Amino acid sequence: MRDKMQKQVKAGRPRGLAGRLGRLRRIGSTLVVLGLVLAVGLAAAPLVEQPEEEALALALLGKTIVIDAGHGGFDPGAIGVSGVQEKDVNLAVSRRVADLLRQVGASVIETRTEDIALAESKREDIHRRVAIAEENDAGLFITIQANSIPQGQYRGGQVFYAAESVEGRALSESIQQSMQSVLQNTDRKAKSIENIYVVNNLAVTSIVVETGFLSNAEEEALLADSRYQQLVAYAVFLGIVGYYSGQPVSGF
């Protein structure tokens, strides 16, 4: 989707992936431990001493969250300067976010798990995504998108929420803070937005996560990289954990 803001803020220059990807090496073992704790059950959980961050993730147990991979099928979304299609980036990141959430006990509904549209027209497709959240009595609706504008110098992930949504703002700021901490290549701030249908037509808390700019050659390359996609997904996941636990989570 295109950035509708009148003013653009340049984010900081990207740093090497090596240090940030090192954070991911701890994800697998941590989530395994969390899975074991959940298997023991809530009654036994207090008997197991857990690091603070691992205990925080238990706040997601049983929460119903819709993860929406924007665009798909006949609708490619934005096209990067080298031809990367937004729908593919959205799906890759969304599936990773969903996997992380499921590993800590959340009930996750994905609007799509492959390269398809949800209806024959764009309008019907968007309405179907809203219906999925309503039909499943979701607590959160998070749509994953990528940005693109004519100018190629802008970069950085950013989260958007409905102006009147207190919870949307809290969730957006939590994820934005996590993206800044984990990705270390954006100084953007969470921002309210008015022209996104799924944000303004859902009773449940709903936000848009823009993972970066496909119109920026460097960021397009990052967004097409599976390792960076995992890093972005981890940042979103940590932001959701922080939102539900009521305190920021810098990483496991």
Protein backbone atom coordinates (compact mmCIF):
# COMPACT_ATOMS: atom_id res chain seq x y z
CA MET A 1 0.00 0.00 0.00
CA ARG A 2 1.08 3.57 -0.59
CA ASP A 3 2.08 5.90 2.22
CA LYS A 4 -0.57 8.64 2.44
CA MET A 5 1.28 10.86 4.89
CA GLN A 6 1.98 14.37 3.73
CA LYS A 7 5.32 14.39 5.48
CA GLN A 8 7.88 11.65 5.26
CA VAL A 9 10.58 10.98 7.82
CA LYS A 10 13.84 9.52 6.72
CA ALA A 11 14.89 6.60 8.89
CA GLY A 12 18.43 5.75 9.90
CA ARG A 13 20.79 3.85 7.66
CA PRO A 14 20.58 0.05 7.84
CA ARG A 15 23.14 -1.86 9.82
CA GLY A 16 24.58 -5.28 9.06
CA LEU A 17 22.26 -8.21 9.49
CA ALA A 18 24.74 -10.39 11.34
CA GLY A 19 24.28 -8.89 14.79
CA ARG A 20 20.51 -8.65 14.55
CA LEU A 21 20.14 -12.16 13.15
CA GLY A 22 22.11 -13.41 16.14
CA ARG A 23 19.05 -12.59 18.25
CA LEU A 24 17.10 -15.22 16.34
CA ARG A 25 19.37 -18.03 17.49
CA ARG A 26 17.71 -17.87 20.89
CA ILE A 27 14.15 -17.94 19.58
CA GLY A 28 13.93 -21.68 18.92
CA SER A 29 15.15 -22.80 22.33
CA THR A 30 13.05 -20.22 24.15
CA LEU A 31 9.85 -21.20 22.37
CA VAL A 32 10.54 -24.87 23.04
CA VAL A 33 10.72 -24.07 26.76
CA LEU A 34 7.50 -22.09 26.51
CA GLY A 35 5.83 -25.00 24.76
CA LEU A 36 6.84 -27.33 27.57
CA VAL A 37 5.47 -24.95 30.16
CA LEU A 38 2.15 -24.76 28.31
CA ALA A 39 2.04 -28.55 28.05
CA VAL A 40 2.42 -28.90 31.80
CA GLY A 41 -0.62 -26.66 32.20
CA LEU A 42 -1.46 -23.47 34.00
CA ALA A 43 -1.81 -25.22 37.33
CA ALA A 44 1.74 -26.49 37.24
CA ALA A 45 3.27 -23.44 35.60
CA PRO A 46 3.93 -21.57 38.89
CA LEU A 47 6.12 -24.47 39.99
CA VAL A 48 8.50 -23.88 37.08
CA GLU A 49 10.86 -20.96 37.44
CA GLN A 50 10.95 -19.07 34.15
CA PRO A 51 12.88 -16.05 32.92
CA GLU A 52 10.73 -12.92 32.98
CA GLU A 53 10.39 -12.62 29.20
CA GLU A 54 9.27 -16.23 28.84
CA ALA A 55 6.62 -15.74 31.51
CA LEU A 56 5.40 -12.62 29.72
CA ALA A 57 4.67 -14.63 26.58
CA LEU A 58 2.15 -16.68 28.57
CA ALA A 59 -0.06 -13.60 28.39
CA LEU A 60 -0.96 -14.72 24.85
CA LEU A 61 -2.33 -18.09 25.97
CA GLY A 62 -5.77 -18.54 24.45
CA LYS A 63 -5.89 -15.12 22.76
CA THR A 64 -7.54 -15.11 19.34
CA ILE A 65 -5.53 -13.11 16.82
CA VAL A 66 -6.15 -12.66 13.11
CA ILE A 67 -2.98 -12.26 11.04
CA ASP A 68 -3.80 -10.87 7.63
CA ALA A 69 -1.34 -11.18 4.77
CA GLY A 70 -2.30 -8.19 2.65
CA HIS A 71 -3.12 -8.54 -1.07
CA GLY A 72 -2.69 -11.90 -2.85
CA GLY A 73 -3.77 -13.66 -6.03
CA PHE A 74 -4.74 -11.20 -8.75
CA ASP A 75 -3.73 -8.31 -6.47
CA PRO A 76 0.09 -8.13 -6.16
CA GLY A 77 0.08 -4.94 -4.12
CA ALA A 78 3.13 -2.73 -4.55
CA ILE A 79 5.90 -3.82 -6.91
CA GLY A 80 9.46 -3.17 -5.77
CA VAL A 81 12.11 -1.43 -7.84
CA SER A 82 13.57 -4.84 -8.71
CA GLY A 83 10.23 -6.55 -9.16
CA VAL A 84 9.60 -7.95 -5.68
CA GLN A 85 5.84 -8.25 -5.18
CA GLU A 86 4.32 -7.02 -1.96
CA LYS A 87 1.88 -9.93 -1.70
CA ASP A 88 4.81 -12.36 -1.42
CA VAL A 89 6.57 -10.38 1.31
CA ASN A 90 3.32 -9.98 3.23
CA LEU A 91 2.62 -13.70 3.13
CA ALA A 92 6.14 -14.70 4.16
CA VAL A 93 6.17 -12.39 7.17
CA SER A 94 2.58 -13.16 8.18
CA ARG A 95 3.17 -16.91 8.22
CA ARG A 96 6.21 -16.45 10.43
CA VAL A 97 4.30 -14.21 12.84
CA ALA A 98 1.51 -16.78 13.04
CA ASP A 99 3.96 -19.59 13.77
CA LEU A 100 5.59 -17.65 16.62
CA LEU A 101 2.23 -16.79 18.16
CA ARG A 102 1.00 -20.37 18.02
CA GLN A 103 4.10 -21.58 19.83
CA VAL A 104 3.12 -19.56 22.89
CA GLY A 105 -0.48 -20.72 22.95
CA ALA A 106 -2.32 -18.07 20.93
CA SER A 107 -5.21 -19.08 18.71
CA VAL A 108 -4.25 -17.69 15.30
CA ILE A 109 -6.46 -17.28 12.25
CA GLU A 110 -4.64 -16.49 9.01
CA THR A 111 -6.71 -14.84 6.30
CA ARG A 112 -4.58 -16.57 3.69
CA THR A 113 -1.76 -19.11 3.74
CA GLU A 114 -1.01 -19.13 0.03
CA ASP A 115 -1.00 -16.81 -2.97
CA ILE A 116 -4.73 -16.36 -3.35
CA ALA A 117 -7.31 -13.59 -3.18
CA LEU A 118 -10.28 -14.02 -0.86
CA ALA A 119 -12.81 -12.89 -3.47
CA GLU A 120 -13.09 -12.02 -7.14
CA SER A 121 -12.87 -8.27 -6.64
CA LYS A 122 -10.69 -6.06 -4.46
CA ARG A 123 -13.70 -4.64 -2.64
CA GLU A 124 -15.14 -8.06 -1.82
CA ASP A 125 -11.70 -9.30 -0.82
CA ILE A 126 -11.30 -6.56 1.79
CA HIS A 127 -14.81 -7.13 3.12
CA ARG A 128 -14.04 -10.83 3.49
CA ARG A 129 -10.97 -10.08 5.62
CA VAL A 130 -13.10 -7.98 7.97
CA ALA A 131 -15.71 -10.74 8.12
CA ILE A 132 -13.09 -13.31 9.13
CA ALA A 133 -12.16 -11.25 12.19
CA GLU A 134 -15.80 -10.74 13.16
CA GLU A 135 -16.79 -14.38 12.63
CA ASN A 136 -13.97 -15.61 14.87
CA ASP A 137 -14.57 -13.08 17.66
CA ALA A 138 -10.93 -12.04 17.38
CA GLY A 139 -9.19 -9.92 19.98
CA LEU A 140 -6.76 -8.44 17.46
CA PHE A 141 -6.63 -7.99 13.70
CA ILE A 142 -3.13 -7.32 12.38
CA THR A 143 -2.64 -6.80 8.66
CA ILE A 144 0.89 -7.12 7.30
CA GLN A 145 1.71 -4.81 4.40
CA ALA A 146 4.72 -3.24 2.67
CA ASN A 147 5.03 0.37 1.59
CA SER A 148 5.87 2.06 -1.70
CA ILE A 149 6.01 5.68 -2.88
CA PRO A 150 7.49 7.35 -5.98
CA GLN A 151 10.53 8.64 -4.09
CA GLY A 152 13.15 5.96 -3.49
CA GLN A 153 15.02 7.42 -0.52
CA TYR A 154 12.48 6.63 2.19
CA ARG A 155 12.71 3.50 4.29
CA GLY A 156 11.68 2.00 7.61
CA GLY A 157 8.84 -0.05 9.05
CA GLN A 158 5.88 1.76 10.58
CA VAL A 159 2.66 0.80 12.34
CA PHE A 160 -0.72 2.52 11.86
CA TYR A 161 -3.92 2.55 13.90
CA ALA A 162 -7.36 4.17 13.87
CA ALA A 163 -7.25 7.64 15.42
CA GLU A 164 -9.99 6.91 17.96
CA SER A 165 -8.65 3.51 19.01
CA VAL A 166 -6.88 3.62 22.37
CA GLU A 167 -6.02 -0.08 22.20
CA GLY A 168 -4.95 0.22 18.58
CA ARG A 169 -2.52 2.94 19.54
CA ALA A 170 -1.15 0.91 22.46
CA LEU A 171 -0.62 -2.14 20.25
CA SER A 172 0.92 -0.08 17.45
CA GLU A 173 3.34 1.68 19.78
CA SER A 174 4.38 -1.63 21.32
CA ILE A 175 5.13 -3.16 17.92
CA GLN A 176 6.82 0.03 16.69
CA GLN A 177 9.10 0.05 19.72
CA SER A 178 9.94 -3.60 19.13
CA MET A 179 10.74 -2.95 15.45
CA GLN A 180 13.09 -0.16 16.45
CA SER A 181 14.84 -2.39 18.98
CA VAL A 182 15.07 -5.55 16.89
CA LEU A 183 15.59 -4.19 13.37
CA GLN A 184 17.65 -1.15 14.41
CA ASN A 185 17.04 0.55 11.06
CA THR A 186 14.02 2.76 11.65
CA ASP A 187 13.22 5.75 13.82
CA ARG A 188 9.62 6.05 12.64
CA LYS A 189 6.77 6.37 15.12
CA ALA A 190 3.40 4.65 15.27
CA LYS A 191 0.82 6.89 13.60
CA SER A 192 -2.96 7.16 13.27
CA ILE A 193 -4.46 6.71 9.82
CA GLU A 194 -7.91 7.34 8.36
CA ASN A 195 -8.05 5.78 4.90
CA ILE A 196 -7.60 2.05 5.63
CA TYR A 197 -10.87 0.11 5.53
CA VAL A 198 -9.86 -2.78 7.78
CA VAL A 199 -8.63 -0.40 10.47
CA ASN A 200 -11.72 1.78 10.51
CA ASN A 201 -14.43 -0.83 9.99
CA LEU A 202 -13.70 -3.38 12.66
CA ALA A 203 -14.99 -3.35 16.22
CA VAL A 204 -11.94 -5.32 17.34
CA THR A 205 -8.53 -3.74 17.79
CA SER A 206 -6.98 -3.59 14.33
CA ILE A 207 -3.71 -2.18 13.01
CA VAL A 208 -1.56 -2.05 9.89
CA VAL A 209 2.09 -3.11 10.09
CA GLU A 210 4.09 -1.67 7.19
CA THR A 211 7.28 -3.74 7.14
CA GLY A 212 9.27 -1.33 4.97
CA PHE A 213 9.50 0.37 1.58
CA LEU A 214 9.69 -1.72 -1.57
CA SER A 215 10.41 1.54 -3.38
CA ASN A 216 13.78 1.68 -1.61
CA ALA A 217 16.25 -0.66 -3.34
CA GLU A 218 18.12 -1.61 -0.17
CA GLU A 219 14.99 -2.25 1.82
CA GLU A 220 13.41 -4.19 -1.03
CA ALA A 221 16.39 -6.55 -0.95
CA LEU A 222 16.01 -6.96 2.81
CA LEU A 223 12.29 -7.65 2.61
CA ALA A 224 12.91 -10.38 0.03
CA ASP A 225 15.47 -12.06 2.34
CA SER A 226 14.00 -14.93 4.37
CA ARG A 227 16.31 -14.19 7.31
CA TYR A 228 15.16 -10.58 7.46
CA GLN A 229 11.53 -11.68 7.10
CA GLN A 230 12.02 -13.81 10.22
CA LEU A 231 13.55 -10.86 12.03
CA VAL A 232 10.59 -8.64 11.14
CA ALA A 233 8.17 -11.36 12.26
CA TYR A 234 10.03 -11.67 15.55
CA ALA A 235 9.76 -7.92 16.11
CA VAL A 236 6.00 -8.00 15.49
CA PHE A 237 5.65 -11.00 17.79
CA LEU A 238 7.54 -9.30 20.60
CA GLY A 239 5.38 -6.21 20.19
CA ILE A 240 2.24 -8.30 20.58
CA VAL A 241 3.70 -9.95 23.69
CA GLY A 242 4.50 -6.52 25.10
CA TYR A 243 0.96 -5.30 24.42
CA TYR A 244 -0.73 -8.22 26.17
CA SER A 245 1.72 -8.32 29.07
CA GLY A 246 1.51 -4.58 29.65
CA GLN A 247 5.25 -4.00 29.50
CA PRO A 248 7.86 -3.72 26.73
CA VAL A 249 9.79 -6.85 25.76
CA SER A 250 13.20 -6.24 24.21
CA GLY A 251 13.86 -9.86 23.23
CA PHE A 252 14.19 -13.38 24.59
